[in-house]
Amino acid sequence: MLASITPLGERARGSRWGLTVAFYVASATVAGAAIGALAGALGALAWSGDEGLELRAALLAGALVAGLALDLRGRLPTLRRQVNEDWLREYRGWVYGAGFGGQLGLGVTTIVTTSLVYATLIAAFLSAGVVRGLAVGAAFGLARGATLLVGAWVRQPADLSRLHMGIDRWRLRVRAGTLAAQTTLALALAVGAGA
């Protein structure tokens, strides 16, 4: 997706990159907010207000640790589905921007590459509130949607090659940073739950 929706690609398809990305980011944010609000509403049925806050923190820490183990083993449960790239040729930019953004903002309707996607939904559930769950989901969707901004400078074919090389060069560093952040968050939650 990062390499498909760039100023170069959008120009070739007769679409405006800024408009496509605006719909993509907005749709990802709204979809994330919606699934987060739903998870928060379901959590509110199980938890009341600040009841069991330490237990909920411990549960989220446990989910992060379990997810970390799955990530390290490469055994993450996921759908084997991507967004339909035929849309790039069949629809206007704002349509596939909104469609792709919405699917990716939900987090679980396409291939899940990190357990943090599931941890986000669990965090929204454990927030035990519609508004809190909405905030968690919206932040997730916004972050997921904003990834397209990485390709904002791709205007020539050589730029696209550099983008691919940069993605490949950063892949292991980003994975290591993500795993370290997940470990740190799990430890902080575990310590906070025990306090």
Protein backbone atom coordinates (compact mmCIF):
# COMPACT_ATOMS: atom_id res chain seq x y z
CA MET A 1 0.00 0.00 0.00
CA LEU A 2 2.82 2.40 0.83
CA ALA A 3 4.23 2.01 -2.65
CA SER A 4 0.88 2.09 -4.47
CA ILE A 5 -0.59 5.32 -3.10
CA THR A 6 2.11 7.90 -3.75
CA PRO A 7 2.00 11.19 -5.66
CA LEU A 8 3.60 9.32 -8.59
CA GLY A 9 1.03 6.52 -8.57
CA GLU A 10 -1.93 8.83 -8.08
CA ARG A 11 -0.80 11.09 -10.91
CA ALA A 12 -0.51 8.05 -13.21
CA ARG A 13 -4.09 7.04 -12.33
CA GLY A 14 -5.45 10.57 -12.76
CA SER A 15 -6.14 11.01 -9.06
CA ARG A 16 -4.99 13.63 -6.57
CA TRP A 17 -2.70 12.18 -3.91
CA GLY A 18 -3.77 14.63 -1.21
CA LEU A 19 -7.45 13.81 -1.67
CA THR A 20 -6.87 10.05 -1.74
CA VAL A 21 -4.73 10.21 1.40
CA ALA A 22 -7.21 12.48 3.19
CA PHE A 23 -10.00 9.95 2.61
CA TYR A 24 -7.67 7.08 3.54
CA VAL A 25 -6.59 8.64 6.84
CA ALA A 26 -10.10 9.83 7.73
CA SER A 27 -11.61 6.44 6.94
CA ALA A 28 -8.92 4.56 8.88
CA THR A 29 -9.47 6.85 11.87
CA VAL A 30 -13.27 6.50 11.78
CA ALA A 31 -13.08 2.71 11.36
CA GLY A 32 -10.59 2.43 14.21
CA ALA A 33 -12.81 4.64 16.37
CA ALA A 34 -15.85 2.50 15.55
CA ILE A 35 -14.23 -0.83 16.39
CA GLY A 36 -12.66 0.71 19.50
CA ALA A 37 -16.03 2.09 20.65
CA LEU A 38 -17.63 -1.32 20.10
CA ALA A 39 -14.86 -3.05 22.07
CA GLY A 40 -15.17 -0.43 24.83
CA ALA A 41 -18.95 -0.91 24.97
CA LEU A 42 -18.50 -4.66 25.31
CA GLY A 43 -15.90 -4.07 28.02
CA ALA A 44 -18.35 -1.83 29.88
CA LEU A 45 -20.67 -4.82 30.14
CA ALA A 46 -17.91 -6.75 31.93
CA TRP A 47 -16.34 -3.96 34.00
CA SER A 48 -17.80 -1.00 35.82
CA GLY A 49 -15.90 2.30 35.95
CA ASP A 50 -12.58 1.91 37.77
CA GLU A 51 -13.57 -1.50 39.14
CA GLY A 52 -10.76 -4.02 38.73
CA LEU A 53 -8.35 -1.49 37.22
CA GLU A 54 -5.29 -3.39 38.48
CA LEU A 55 -6.68 -6.65 37.14
CA ARG A 56 -7.38 -5.06 33.75
CA ALA A 57 -3.81 -3.71 33.63
CA ALA A 58 -2.50 -7.17 34.46
CA LEU A 59 -4.70 -8.74 31.77
CA LEU A 60 -3.40 -6.29 29.17
CA ALA A 61 0.20 -7.00 30.28
CA GLY A 62 -0.50 -10.71 29.90
CA ALA A 63 -1.98 -10.18 26.45
CA LEU A 64 1.10 -8.19 25.42
CA VAL A 65 3.42 -10.95 26.66
CA ALA A 66 1.38 -13.66 24.91
CA GLY A 67 1.37 -11.57 21.74
CA LEU A 68 5.10 -11.05 22.01
CA ALA A 69 5.61 -14.82 22.17
CA LEU A 70 3.42 -15.30 19.09
CA ASP A 71 5.26 -12.53 17.24
CA LEU A 72 8.66 -14.06 18.03
CA ARG A 73 7.51 -17.51 16.93
CA GLY A 74 5.93 -16.11 13.77
CA ARG A 75 2.67 -17.89 14.58
CA LEU A 76 0.25 -15.01 14.73
CA PRO A 77 -3.36 -15.97 13.91
CA THR A 78 -4.62 -13.88 11.01
CA LEU A 79 -6.79 -13.79 7.95
CA ARG A 80 -4.98 -14.37 4.66
CA ARG A 81 -6.60 -11.39 2.96
CA GLN A 82 -5.33 -8.14 1.52
CA VAL A 83 -7.21 -5.13 0.20
CA ASN A 84 -8.33 -5.55 -3.40
CA GLU A 85 -5.71 -3.76 -5.49
CA ASP A 86 -8.01 -3.93 -8.53
CA TRP A 87 -9.81 -0.98 -6.93
CA LEU A 88 -6.79 1.17 -7.87
CA ARG A 89 -7.77 0.80 -11.54
CA GLU A 90 -11.54 0.61 -11.15
CA TYR A 91 -12.43 3.49 -8.82
CA ARG A 92 -11.60 7.11 -8.16
CA GLY A 93 -8.85 7.85 -5.65
CA TRP A 94 -11.15 9.02 -2.90
CA VAL A 95 -13.21 5.80 -3.20
CA TYR A 96 -10.30 3.39 -2.82
CA GLY A 97 -8.72 5.72 -0.29
CA ALA A 98 -11.83 5.46 1.88
CA GLY A 99 -12.25 1.73 1.22
CA PHE A 100 -8.65 0.77 1.92
CA GLY A 101 -8.43 3.08 4.92
CA GLY A 102 -11.58 1.66 6.45
CA GLN A 103 -10.42 -1.92 6.08
CA LEU A 104 -6.98 -1.21 7.50
CA GLY A 105 -8.39 0.99 10.29
CA LEU A 106 -10.42 -1.95 11.57
CA GLY A 107 -7.13 -3.77 11.99
CA VAL A 108 -8.35 -7.35 11.67
CA THR A 109 -9.97 -7.49 8.23
CA THR A 110 -6.63 -7.92 6.45
CA ILE A 111 -3.36 -9.71 7.25
CA VAL A 112 -2.26 -8.90 10.80
CA THR A 113 1.53 -8.65 11.04
CA THR A 114 1.89 -7.76 14.72
CA SER A 115 0.07 -8.82 17.86
CA LEU A 116 -0.20 -5.14 18.79
CA VAL A 117 -3.26 -4.99 16.54
CA TYR A 118 -4.99 -7.49 18.80
CA ALA A 119 -3.56 -5.81 21.91
CA THR A 120 -5.15 -2.54 20.77
CA LEU A 121 -8.58 -4.18 20.60
CA ILE A 122 -8.01 -5.79 23.99
CA ALA A 123 -6.97 -2.41 25.41
CA ALA A 124 -10.16 -0.84 24.03
CA PHE A 125 -12.20 -3.66 25.59
CA LEU A 126 -10.42 -3.33 28.94
CA SER A 127 -10.96 0.43 28.91
CA ALA A 128 -14.57 -0.51 29.74
CA GLY A 129 -16.10 2.56 28.16
CA VAL A 130 -17.36 3.62 24.76
CA VAL A 131 -15.52 6.95 24.77
CA ARG A 132 -12.26 5.44 26.06
CA GLY A 133 -12.50 2.59 23.57
CA LEU A 134 -13.25 5.08 20.81
CA ALA A 135 -10.13 7.07 21.74
CA VAL A 136 -7.94 3.95 21.70
CA GLY A 137 -9.36 2.85 18.35
CA ALA A 138 -9.17 6.31 16.79
CA ALA A 139 -5.51 6.65 17.78
CA PHE A 140 -4.82 3.24 16.24
CA GLY A 141 -6.68 4.08 13.03
CA LEU A 142 -4.99 7.46 12.72
CA ALA A 143 -1.55 5.92 13.19
CA ARG A 144 -2.35 3.20 10.68
CA GLY A 145 -3.67 5.71 8.16
CA ALA A 146 -0.75 8.09 8.56
CA THR A 147 1.67 5.47 7.26
CA LEU A 148 0.86 6.62 3.71
CA LEU A 149 2.60 9.91 4.45
CA VAL A 150 5.93 8.06 4.19
CA GLY A 151 5.53 8.12 0.40
CA ALA A 152 4.65 11.81 0.13
CA TRP A 153 7.96 12.62 -1.60
CA VAL A 154 7.65 9.92 -4.32
CA ARG A 155 7.26 11.90 -7.53
CA GLN A 156 9.57 10.03 -9.95
CA PRO A 157 10.19 6.31 -10.60
CA ALA A 158 13.63 6.60 -8.96
CA ASP A 159 11.93 7.91 -5.81
CA LEU A 160 9.77 4.79 -5.74
CA SER A 161 12.87 2.60 -5.87
CA ARG A 162 14.38 4.57 -2.99
CA LEU A 163 11.16 4.16 -1.00
CA HIS A 164 11.31 0.37 -1.43
CA MET A 165 14.96 0.29 -0.42
CA GLY A 166 14.20 2.46 2.62
CA ILE A 167 11.34 0.19 3.68
CA ASP A 168 13.60 -2.85 3.36
CA ARG A 169 16.43 -1.10 5.22
CA TRP A 170 14.17 -0.07 8.13
CA ARG A 171 12.13 -3.28 8.38
CA LEU A 172 14.32 -5.02 10.99
CA ARG A 173 14.88 -1.82 13.00
CA VAL A 174 11.16 -1.11 13.15
CA ARG A 175 10.43 -4.70 14.19
CA ALA A 176 13.08 -4.56 16.92
CA GLY A 177 11.75 -1.22 18.15
CA THR A 178 8.19 -2.50 18.16
CA LEU A 179 9.12 -5.62 20.13
CA ALA A 180 11.12 -3.51 22.61
CA ALA A 181 8.21 -1.07 23.05
CA GLN A 182 5.79 -3.95 23.53
CA THR A 183 8.05 -5.51 26.17
CA THR A 184 8.45 -2.17 27.96
CA LEU A 185 4.70 -1.57 27.95
CA ALA A 186 4.00 -5.08 29.28
CA LEU A 187 6.51 -4.57 32.10
CA ALA A 188 5.13 -1.13 32.97
CA LEU A 189 1.59 -2.51 33.10
CA ALA A 190 2.67 -5.48 35.20
CA VAL A 191 4.48 -3.20 37.66
CA GLY A 192 1.52 -0.81 37.75
CA ALA A 193 -0.91 -3.68 38.32
CA GLY A 194 1.19 -4.93 41.24
CA ALA A 195 1.49 -1.50 42.89
